[in-house]
Amino acid sequence: MKPDVLDRILAARASKQSVALVWNLDRAEEWLLDANAMGSAEMPAEILTAARAVLRSDKAVRLEHAGENYFIRAFNPPPRMIVVGAVHIAQSLAEMAHLAGFEVVLLDPRQAFATQERFGAFEIRRDWPDRALAALAPDARTAVVTLTHDPKLDDPALDAALRSPAFYIGSLGSKKTHRSRLERLGERGFEKADLERIHGPVGLSIGSISPAEIAVSILAEVIAHLRSGGA
């Protein structure tokens, strides 16, 4: 690896930017691609497509194109999970997501809920969710999960999340609750395609009952979308 390429990788890591390193093994050439370069780099479309897939999966690949061999590796920041609502489910979800490699941030202005005694060393923000999300700036490596079951807290968070490129947005509640939620958000000006980004009820349908089981279902769905690019 060339020194200037290594410097750029370190700079990308410091700024929490995703980049993919592409090597042409036959010609000893290398390219470092960020999200902007993905659309403009002068290389075969098949290689660019493979680079995007590598960034989603975090799995290095070796492939052949036009008789030449390539190796592609991702250098991604940790995925983030922003959890709105310091409830019992959030306690289990934060621990599990951390073990899965996520950087976890908890949002809840209710100080009786959002305490370090309940959540240990996890980052807690007590601003109103829309204000906190504006500061956190969810990106394509961020999942946003709302758990308060309170429209005064969940709706502003979902509004902010829908205006971001977050790869996953989920919200706790029954199907009836979710229908009412979508109606309220629709009144805020969101179109059907926007609202379809919200997974509600949140999590995979695995018959979960306890807070820990619900957390498992949420984390599983989040990971599935992270690795599949939402497919």
C-alpha atoms as a PDB file:
ATOM      1  CA  MET A   1       0.000   0.000   0.000  1.00  0.00           C
ATOM      2  CA  LYS A   2       1.308   3.430  -0.964  1.00  0.00           C
ATOM      3  CA  PRO A   3       2.000   5.845   1.916  1.00  0.00           C
ATOM      4  CA  ASP A   4      -0.404   8.472   0.571  1.00  0.00           C
ATOM      5  CA  VAL A   5      -3.177   5.887   0.321  1.00  0.00           C
ATOM      6  CA  LEU A   6      -2.568   4.814   3.918  1.00  0.00           C
ATOM      7  CA  ASP A   7      -2.729   8.449   5.004  1.00  0.00           C
ATOM      8  CA  ARG A   8      -6.076   8.848   3.262  1.00  0.00           C
ATOM      9  CA  ILE A   9      -7.424   5.676   4.901  1.00  0.00           C
ATOM     10  CA  LEU A  10      -6.384   6.963   8.331  1.00  0.00           C
ATOM     11  CA  ALA A  11      -7.970  10.339   7.600  1.00  0.00           C
ATOM     12  CA  ALA A  12     -11.197   8.637   6.505  1.00  0.00           C
ATOM     13  CA  ARG A  13     -11.241   6.561   9.686  1.00  0.00           C
ATOM     14  CA  ALA A  14     -10.702   9.668  11.817  1.00  0.00           C
ATOM     15  CA  SER A  15     -13.640  11.399  10.126  1.00  0.00           C
ATOM     16  CA  LYS A  16     -15.783   8.226  10.221  1.00  0.00           C
ATOM     17  CA  GLN A  17     -16.031   8.008   6.428  1.00  0.00           C
ATOM     18  CA  SER A  18     -16.369   4.762   4.475  1.00  0.00           C
ATOM     19  CA  VAL A  19     -13.829   4.007   1.749  1.00  0.00           C
ATOM     20  CA  ALA A  20     -13.056   0.999  -0.420  1.00  0.00           C
ATOM     21  CA  LEU A  21      -9.551   0.103  -1.554  1.00  0.00           C
ATOM     22  CA  VAL A  22      -9.348  -1.504  -4.989  1.00  0.00           C
ATOM     23  CA  TRP A  23      -6.172  -3.251  -6.103  1.00  0.00           C
ATOM     24  CA  ASN A  24      -5.427  -4.375  -9.635  1.00  0.00           C
ATOM     25  CA  LEU A  25      -3.181  -7.307  -8.750  1.00  0.00           C
ATOM     26  CA  ASP A  26      -1.778  -7.727 -12.245  1.00  0.00           C
ATOM     27  CA  ARG A  27      -0.697  -4.111 -12.715  1.00  0.00           C
ATOM     28  CA  ALA A  28       0.015  -3.305  -9.050  1.00  0.00           C
ATOM     29  CA  GLU A  29      -2.352  -0.334  -9.231  1.00  0.00           C
ATOM     30  CA  GLU A  30      -4.645   0.791  -6.449  1.00  0.00           C
ATOM     31  CA  TRP A  31      -7.533   3.194  -5.992  1.00  0.00           C
ATOM     32  CA  LEU A  32      -9.219   4.447  -2.837  1.00  0.00           C
ATOM     33  CA  LEU A  33     -12.886   5.166  -3.438  1.00  0.00           C
ATOM     34  CA  ASP A  34     -15.216   7.136  -1.208  1.00  0.00           C
ATOM     35  CA  ALA A  35     -18.958   7.578  -1.713  1.00  0.00           C
ATOM     36  CA  ASN A  36     -18.448  10.466  -4.150  1.00  0.00           C
ATOM     37  CA  ALA A  37     -15.839   8.619  -6.235  1.00  0.00           C
ATOM     38  CA  MET A  38     -18.144   5.645  -6.617  1.00  0.00           C
ATOM     39  CA  GLY A  39     -20.083   7.515  -9.251  1.00  0.00           C
ATOM     40  CA  SER A  40     -17.199   9.072 -11.121  1.00  0.00           C
ATOM     41  CA  ALA A  41     -14.167   6.777 -10.876  1.00  0.00           C
ATOM     42  CA  GLU A  42     -12.759   5.784 -14.254  1.00  0.00           C
ATOM     43  CA  MET A  43     -12.889   2.029 -13.869  1.00  0.00           C
ATOM     44  CA  PRO A  44     -15.215  -0.747 -15.057  1.00  0.00           C
ATOM     45  CA  ALA A  45     -18.790  -0.534 -13.803  1.00  0.00           C
ATOM     46  CA  GLU A  46     -18.545  -4.119 -12.558  1.00  0.00           C
ATOM     47  CA  ILE A  47     -15.679  -3.175 -10.246  1.00  0.00           C
ATOM     48  CA  LEU A  48     -17.571  -0.170  -8.894  1.00  0.00           C
ATOM     49  CA  THR A  49     -20.613  -2.378  -8.250  1.00  0.00           C
ATOM     50  CA  ALA A  50     -18.413  -4.868  -6.418  1.00  0.00           C
ATOM     51  CA  ALA A  51     -16.873  -2.057  -4.359  1.00  0.00           C
ATOM     52  CA  ARG A  52     -20.323  -0.882  -3.254  1.00  0.00           C
ATOM     53  CA  ALA A  53     -21.214  -4.441  -2.230  1.00  0.00           C
ATOM     54  CA  VAL A  54     -17.981  -4.741  -0.253  1.00  0.00           C
ATOM     55  CA  LEU A  55     -18.767  -1.532   1.640  1.00  0.00           C
ATOM     56  CA  ARG A  56     -22.197  -2.919   2.583  1.00  0.00           C
ATOM     57  CA  SER A  57     -20.985  -6.364   3.620  1.00  0.00           C
ATOM     58  CA  ASP A  58     -17.575  -5.473   5.105  1.00  0.00           C
ATOM     59  CA  LYS A  59     -16.274  -8.590   3.340  1.00  0.00           C
ATOM     60  CA  ALA A  60     -13.169  -8.378   1.131  1.00  0.00           C
ATOM     61  CA  VAL A  61     -13.476  -9.999  -2.292  1.00  0.00           C
ATOM     62  CA  ARG A  62     -11.162 -11.112  -5.058  1.00  0.00           C
ATOM     63  CA  LEU A  63     -12.555 -11.149  -8.575  1.00  0.00           C
ATOM     64  CA  GLU A  64     -11.556 -11.270 -12.215  1.00  0.00           C
ATOM     65  CA  HIS A  65     -12.671  -8.810 -14.870  1.00  0.00           C
ATOM     66  CA  ALA A  66     -11.538  -8.576 -18.496  1.00  0.00           C
ATOM     67  CA  GLY A  67      -8.704 -10.989 -17.794  1.00  0.00           C
ATOM     68  CA  GLU A  68      -7.333  -8.997 -14.856  1.00  0.00           C
ATOM     69  CA  ASN A  69      -7.448  -9.802 -11.142  1.00  0.00           C
ATOM     70  CA  TYR A  70      -8.750  -7.371  -8.532  1.00  0.00           C
ATOM     71  CA  PHE A  71      -8.924  -7.362  -4.745  1.00  0.00           C
ATOM     72  CA  ILE A  72     -11.341  -5.047  -2.915  1.00  0.00           C
ATOM     73  CA  ARG A  73     -11.398  -4.304   0.792  1.00  0.00           C
ATOM     74  CA  ALA A  74     -13.634  -1.994   2.801  1.00  0.00           C
ATOM     75  CA  PHE A  75     -12.462   0.398   5.476  1.00  0.00           C
ATOM     76  CA  ASN A  76     -15.677   1.280   7.276  1.00  0.00           C
ATOM     77  CA  PRO A  77     -16.329   3.094  10.537  1.00  0.00           C
ATOM     78  CA  PRO A  78     -18.379   1.069  13.046  1.00  0.00           C
ATOM     79  CA  PRO A  79     -22.105   1.154  12.272  1.00  0.00           C
ATOM     80  CA  ARG A  80     -24.126   3.281  14.670  1.00  0.00           C
ATOM     81  CA  MET A  81     -27.411   2.562  16.381  1.00  0.00           C
ATOM     82  CA  ILE A  82     -29.319   5.525  17.768  1.00  0.00           C
ATOM     83  CA  VAL A  83     -31.936   4.316  20.247  1.00  0.00           C
ATOM     84  CA  VAL A  84     -34.717   6.733  21.180  1.00  0.00           C
ATOM     85  CA  GLY A  85     -36.198   5.840  24.548  1.00  0.00           C
ATOM     86  CA  ALA A  86     -34.271   4.587  27.588  1.00  0.00           C
ATOM     87  CA  VAL A  87     -36.743   1.775  28.293  1.00  0.00           C
ATOM     88  CA  HIS A  88     -36.191  -1.859  29.328  1.00  0.00           C
ATOM     89  CA  ILE A  89     -35.866  -3.024  25.716  1.00  0.00           C
ATOM     90  CA  ALA A  90     -33.181  -0.386  25.171  1.00  0.00           C
ATOM     91  CA  GLN A  91     -31.079  -1.838  27.992  1.00  0.00           C
ATOM     92  CA  SER A  92     -30.919  -5.236  26.280  1.00  0.00           C
ATOM     93  CA  LEU A  93     -30.654  -3.763  22.785  1.00  0.00           C
ATOM     94  CA  ALA A  94     -27.730  -1.506  23.702  1.00  0.00           C
ATOM     95  CA  GLU A  95     -25.733  -4.417  25.133  1.00  0.00           C
ATOM     96  CA  MET A  96     -26.458  -6.727  22.199  1.00  0.00           C
ATOM     97  CA  ALA A  97     -25.766  -4.061  19.562  1.00  0.00           C
ATOM     98  CA  HIS A  98     -22.462  -3.218  21.263  1.00  0.00           C
ATOM     99  CA  LEU A  99     -21.448  -6.888  21.173  1.00  0.00           C
ATOM    100  CA  ALA A 100     -22.341  -6.923  17.457  1.00  0.00           C
ATOM    101  CA  GLY A 101     -19.943  -4.030  16.804  1.00  0.00           C
ATOM    102  CA  PHE A 102     -22.330  -1.080  16.800  1.00  0.00           C
ATOM    103  CA  GLU A 103     -21.568   2.299  18.319  1.00  0.00           C
ATOM    104  CA  VAL A 104     -24.651   2.888  20.471  1.00  0.00           C
ATOM    105  CA  VAL A 105     -26.159   6.244  21.426  1.00  0.00           C
ATOM    106  CA  LEU A 106     -29.263   6.553  23.626  1.00  0.00           C
ATOM    107  CA  LEU A 107     -31.622   9.542  23.369  1.00  0.00           C
ATOM    108  CA  ASP A 108     -34.187  10.374  26.029  1.00  0.00           C
ATOM    109  CA  PRO A 109     -34.968  13.746  27.643  1.00  0.00           C
ATOM    110  CA  ARG A 110     -36.617  11.957  30.602  1.00  0.00           C
ATOM    111  CA  GLN A 111     -33.861  12.028  33.183  1.00  0.00           C
ATOM    112  CA  ALA A 112     -35.497   9.398  35.371  1.00  0.00           C
ATOM    113  CA  PHE A 113     -35.088   6.892  32.531  1.00  0.00           C
ATOM    114  CA  ALA A 114     -31.833   8.022  30.920  1.00  0.00           C
ATOM    115  CA  THR A 115     -29.331   7.343  33.696  1.00  0.00           C
ATOM    116  CA  GLN A 116     -25.821   5.927  33.665  1.00  0.00           C
ATOM    117  CA  GLU A 117     -26.894   3.614  36.497  1.00  0.00           C
ATOM    118  CA  ARG A 118     -29.223   1.878  34.027  1.00  0.00           C
ATOM    119  CA  PHE A 119     -27.023   2.112  30.930  1.00  0.00           C
ATOM    120  CA  GLY A 120     -23.466   2.017  32.195  1.00  0.00           C
ATOM    121  CA  ALA A 121     -20.885   3.566  29.885  1.00  0.00           C
ATOM    122  CA  PHE A 122     -23.161   4.006  26.860  1.00  0.00           C
ATOM    123  CA  GLU A 123     -23.468   7.547  25.543  1.00  0.00           C
ATOM    124  CA  ILE A 124     -26.713   9.188  26.650  1.00  0.00           C
ATOM    125  CA  ARG A 125     -28.126  12.403  25.196  1.00  0.00           C
ATOM    126  CA  ARG A 126     -30.963  14.128  27.023  1.00  0.00           C
ATOM    127  CA  ASP A 127     -31.866  16.690  24.358  1.00  0.00           C
ATOM    128  CA  TRP A 128     -35.194  16.471  22.599  1.00  0.00           C
ATOM    129  CA  PRO A 129     -34.839  13.686  19.965  1.00  0.00           C
ATOM    130  CA  ASP A 130     -35.053  15.903  16.874  1.00  0.00           C
ATOM    131  CA  ARG A 131     -32.406  18.237  18.262  1.00  0.00           C
ATOM    132  CA  ALA A 132     -30.156  15.349  19.279  1.00  0.00           C
ATOM    133  CA  LEU A 133     -30.515  13.683  15.874  1.00  0.00           C
ATOM    134  CA  ALA A 134     -29.666  16.933  14.109  1.00  0.00           C
ATOM    135  CA  ALA A 135     -26.404  17.013  16.070  1.00  0.00           C
ATOM    136  CA  LEU A 136     -25.669  13.321  15.479  1.00  0.00           C
ATOM    137  CA  ALA A 137     -26.379  13.590  11.717  1.00  0.00           C
ATOM    138  CA  PRO A 138     -27.409   9.986  10.910  1.00  0.00           C
ATOM    139  CA  ASP A 139     -25.621   8.683   7.811  1.00  0.00           C
ATOM    140  CA  ALA A 140     -25.828   5.561   5.650  1.00  0.00           C
ATOM    141  CA  ARG A 141     -24.108   3.554   8.420  1.00  0.00           C
ATOM    142  CA  THR A 142     -26.701   4.558  11.032  1.00  0.00           C
ATOM    143  CA  ALA A 143     -29.810   2.786  12.294  1.00  0.00           C
ATOM    144  CA  VAL A 144     -32.464   4.730  14.213  1.00  0.00           C
ATOM    145  CA  VAL A 145     -34.824   2.829  16.514  1.00  0.00           C
ATOM    146  CA  THR A 146     -37.603   4.529  18.497  1.00  0.00           C
ATOM    147  CA  LEU A 147     -38.921   2.705  21.569  1.00  0.00           C
ATOM    148  CA  THR A 148     -40.746   5.245  23.740  1.00  0.00           C
ATOM    149  CA  HIS A 149     -44.243   4.474  22.392  1.00  0.00           C
ATOM    150  CA  ASP A 150     -44.889   8.194  22.955  1.00  0.00           C
ATOM    151  CA  PRO A 151     -45.668  10.292  19.848  1.00  0.00           C
ATOM    152  CA  LYS A 152     -44.251  13.401  21.538  1.00  0.00           C
ATOM    153  CA  LEU A 153     -40.820  11.739  21.488  1.00  0.00           C
ATOM    154  CA  ASP A 154     -40.994   9.175  18.678  1.00  0.00           C
ATOM    155  CA  ASP A 155     -42.555  11.396  16.008  1.00  0.00           C
ATOM    156  CA  PRO A 156     -39.900  14.160  16.086  1.00  0.00           C
ATOM    157  CA  ALA A 157     -37.202  11.470  16.010  1.00  0.00           C
ATOM    158  CA  LEU A 158     -38.806   9.726  13.037  1.00  0.00           C
ATOM    159  CA  ASP A 159     -39.239  13.045  11.245  1.00  0.00           C
ATOM    160  CA  ALA A 160     -35.499  13.707  11.600  1.00  0.00           C
ATOM    161  CA  ALA A 161     -34.547  10.144  10.679  1.00  0.00           C
ATOM    162  CA  LEU A 162     -36.655  10.194   7.513  1.00  0.00           C
ATOM    163  CA  ARG A 163     -34.817  13.313   6.373  1.00  0.00           C
ATOM    164  CA  SER A 164     -31.495  11.480   6.727  1.00  0.00           C
ATOM    165  CA  PRO A 165     -29.846   8.636   4.745  1.00  0.00           C
ATOM    166  CA  ALA A 166     -30.087   6.244   7.731  1.00  0.00           C
ATOM    167  CA  PHE A 167     -30.039   2.679   6.405  1.00  0.00           C
ATOM    168  CA  TYR A 168     -32.654   1.488   8.892  1.00  0.00           C
ATOM    169  CA  ILE A 169     -35.521   3.186  10.732  1.00  0.00           C
ATOM    170  CA  GLY A 170     -37.724   1.197  13.108  1.00  0.00           C
ATOM    171  CA  SER A 171     -40.401   2.061  15.640  1.00  0.00           C
ATOM    172  CA  LEU A 172     -41.969   0.053  18.464  1.00  0.00           C
ATOM    173  CA  GLY A 173     -45.732  -0.365  18.604  1.00  0.00           C
ATOM    174  CA  SER A 174     -48.636  -2.469  17.396  1.00  0.00           C
ATOM    175  CA  LYS A 175     -49.935  -2.433  13.830  1.00  0.00           C
ATOM    176  CA  LYS A 176     -52.730  -0.107  14.948  1.00  0.00           C
ATOM    177  CA  THR A 177     -50.213   2.217  16.595  1.00  0.00           C
ATOM    178  CA  HIS A 178     -48.090   2.158  13.460  1.00  0.00           C
ATOM    179  CA  ARG A 179     -51.036   3.100  11.237  1.00  0.00           C
ATOM    180  CA  SER A 180     -51.741   6.108  13.434  1.00  0.00           C
ATOM    181  CA  ARG A 181     -48.048   7.000  13.386  1.00  0.00           C
ATOM    182  CA  LEU A 182     -47.948   6.935   9.576  1.00  0.00           C
ATOM    183  CA  GLU A 183     -51.041   9.163   9.410  1.00  0.00           C
ATOM    184  CA  ARG A 184     -49.404  11.743  11.662  1.00  0.00           C
ATOM    185  CA  LEU A 185     -46.165  11.674   9.692  1.00  0.00           C
ATOM    186  CA  GLY A 186     -48.121  11.918   6.446  1.00  0.00           C
ATOM    187  CA  GLU A 187     -49.641  15.131   7.767  1.00  0.00           C
ATOM    188  CA  ARG A 188     -46.083  16.420   8.159  1.00  0.00           C
ATOM    189  CA  GLY A 189     -45.646  16.108   4.397  1.00  0.00           C
ATOM    190  CA  PHE A 190     -43.968  12.715   4.019  1.00  0.00           C
ATOM    191  CA  GLU A 191     -44.906  10.661   0.964  1.00  0.00           C
ATOM    192  CA  LYS A 192     -45.769   6.948   0.962  1.00  0.00           C
ATOM    193  CA  ALA A 193     -42.284   6.001  -0.251  1.00  0.00           C
ATOM    194  CA  ASP A 194     -40.776   7.894   2.679  1.00  0.00           C
ATOM    195  CA  LEU A 195     -43.034   6.228   5.226  1.00  0.00           C
ATOM    196  CA  GLU A 196     -42.274   2.776   3.854  1.00  0.00           C
ATOM    197  CA  ARG A 197     -38.734   3.208   5.209  1.00  0.00           C
ATOM    198  CA  ILE A 198     -40.107   2.833   8.746  1.00  0.00           C
ATOM    199  CA  HIS A 199     -40.192  -0.734  10.022  1.00  0.00           C
ATOM    200  CA  GLY A 200     -43.196  -0.997  12.251  1.00  0.00           C
ATOM    201  CA  PRO A 201     -43.823  -2.949  14.308  1.00  0.00           C
ATOM    202  CA  VAL A 202     -40.036  -2.923  14.681  1.00  0.00           C
ATOM    203  CA  GLY A 203     -38.041  -6.161  14.467  1.00  0.00           C
ATOM    204  CA  LEU A 204     -38.390  -9.557  12.857  1.00  0.00           C
ATOM    205  CA  SER A 205     -41.559 -11.508  13.583  1.00  0.00           C
ATOM    206  CA  ILE A 206     -40.146 -14.272  15.806  1.00  0.00           C
ATOM    207  CA  GLY A 207     -42.838 -14.367  18.488  1.00  0.00           C
ATOM    208  CA  SER A 208     -40.715 -12.379  20.921  1.00  0.00           C
ATOM    209  CA  ILE A 209     -42.259 -11.541  24.313  1.00  0.00           C
ATOM    210  CA  SER A 210     -39.616 -10.383  26.796  1.00  0.00           C
ATOM    211  CA  PRO A 211     -37.594  -7.174  26.407  1.00  0.00           C
ATOM    212  CA  ALA A 212     -34.488  -9.235  25.605  1.00  0.00           C
ATOM    213  CA  GLU A 213     -36.312 -11.262  22.940  1.00  0.00           C
ATOM    214  CA  ILE A 214     -37.689  -8.089  21.361  1.00  0.00           C
ATOM    215  CA  ALA A 215     -34.147  -6.682  21.350  1.00  0.00           C
ATOM    216  CA  VAL A 216     -32.937  -9.813  19.525  1.00  0.00           C
ATOM    217  CA  SER A 217     -35.631  -9.357  16.859  1.00  0.00           C
ATOM    218  CA  ILE A 218     -34.704  -5.685  16.377  1.00  0.00           C
ATOM    219  CA  LEU A 219     -30.967  -6.274  16.146  1.00  0.00           C
ATOM    220  CA  ALA A 220     -31.466  -9.150  13.692  1.00  0.00           C
ATOM    221  CA  GLU A 221     -33.552  -6.968  11.371  1.00  0.00           C
ATOM    222  CA  VAL A 222     -31.060  -4.104  11.607  1.00  0.00           C
ATOM    223  CA  ILE A 223     -28.141  -6.380  10.728  1.00  0.00           C
ATOM    224  CA  ALA A 224     -30.064  -7.904   7.826  1.00  0.00           C
ATOM    225  CA  HIS A 225     -30.570  -4.459   6.329  1.00  0.00           C
ATOM    226  CA  LEU A 226     -27.017  -3.375   6.990  1.00  0.00           C
ATOM    227  CA  ARG A 227     -25.590  -6.355   5.138  1.00  0.00           C
ATOM    228  CA  SER A 228     -28.134  -6.516   2.320  1.00  0.00           C
ATOM    229  CA  GLY A 229     -28.289  -2.810   1.571  1.00  0.00           C
ATOM    230  CA  GLY A 230     -31.978  -2.808   2.431  1.00  0.00           C
ATOM    231  CA  ALA A 231     -32.910  -5.607   0.036  1.00  0.00           C
END
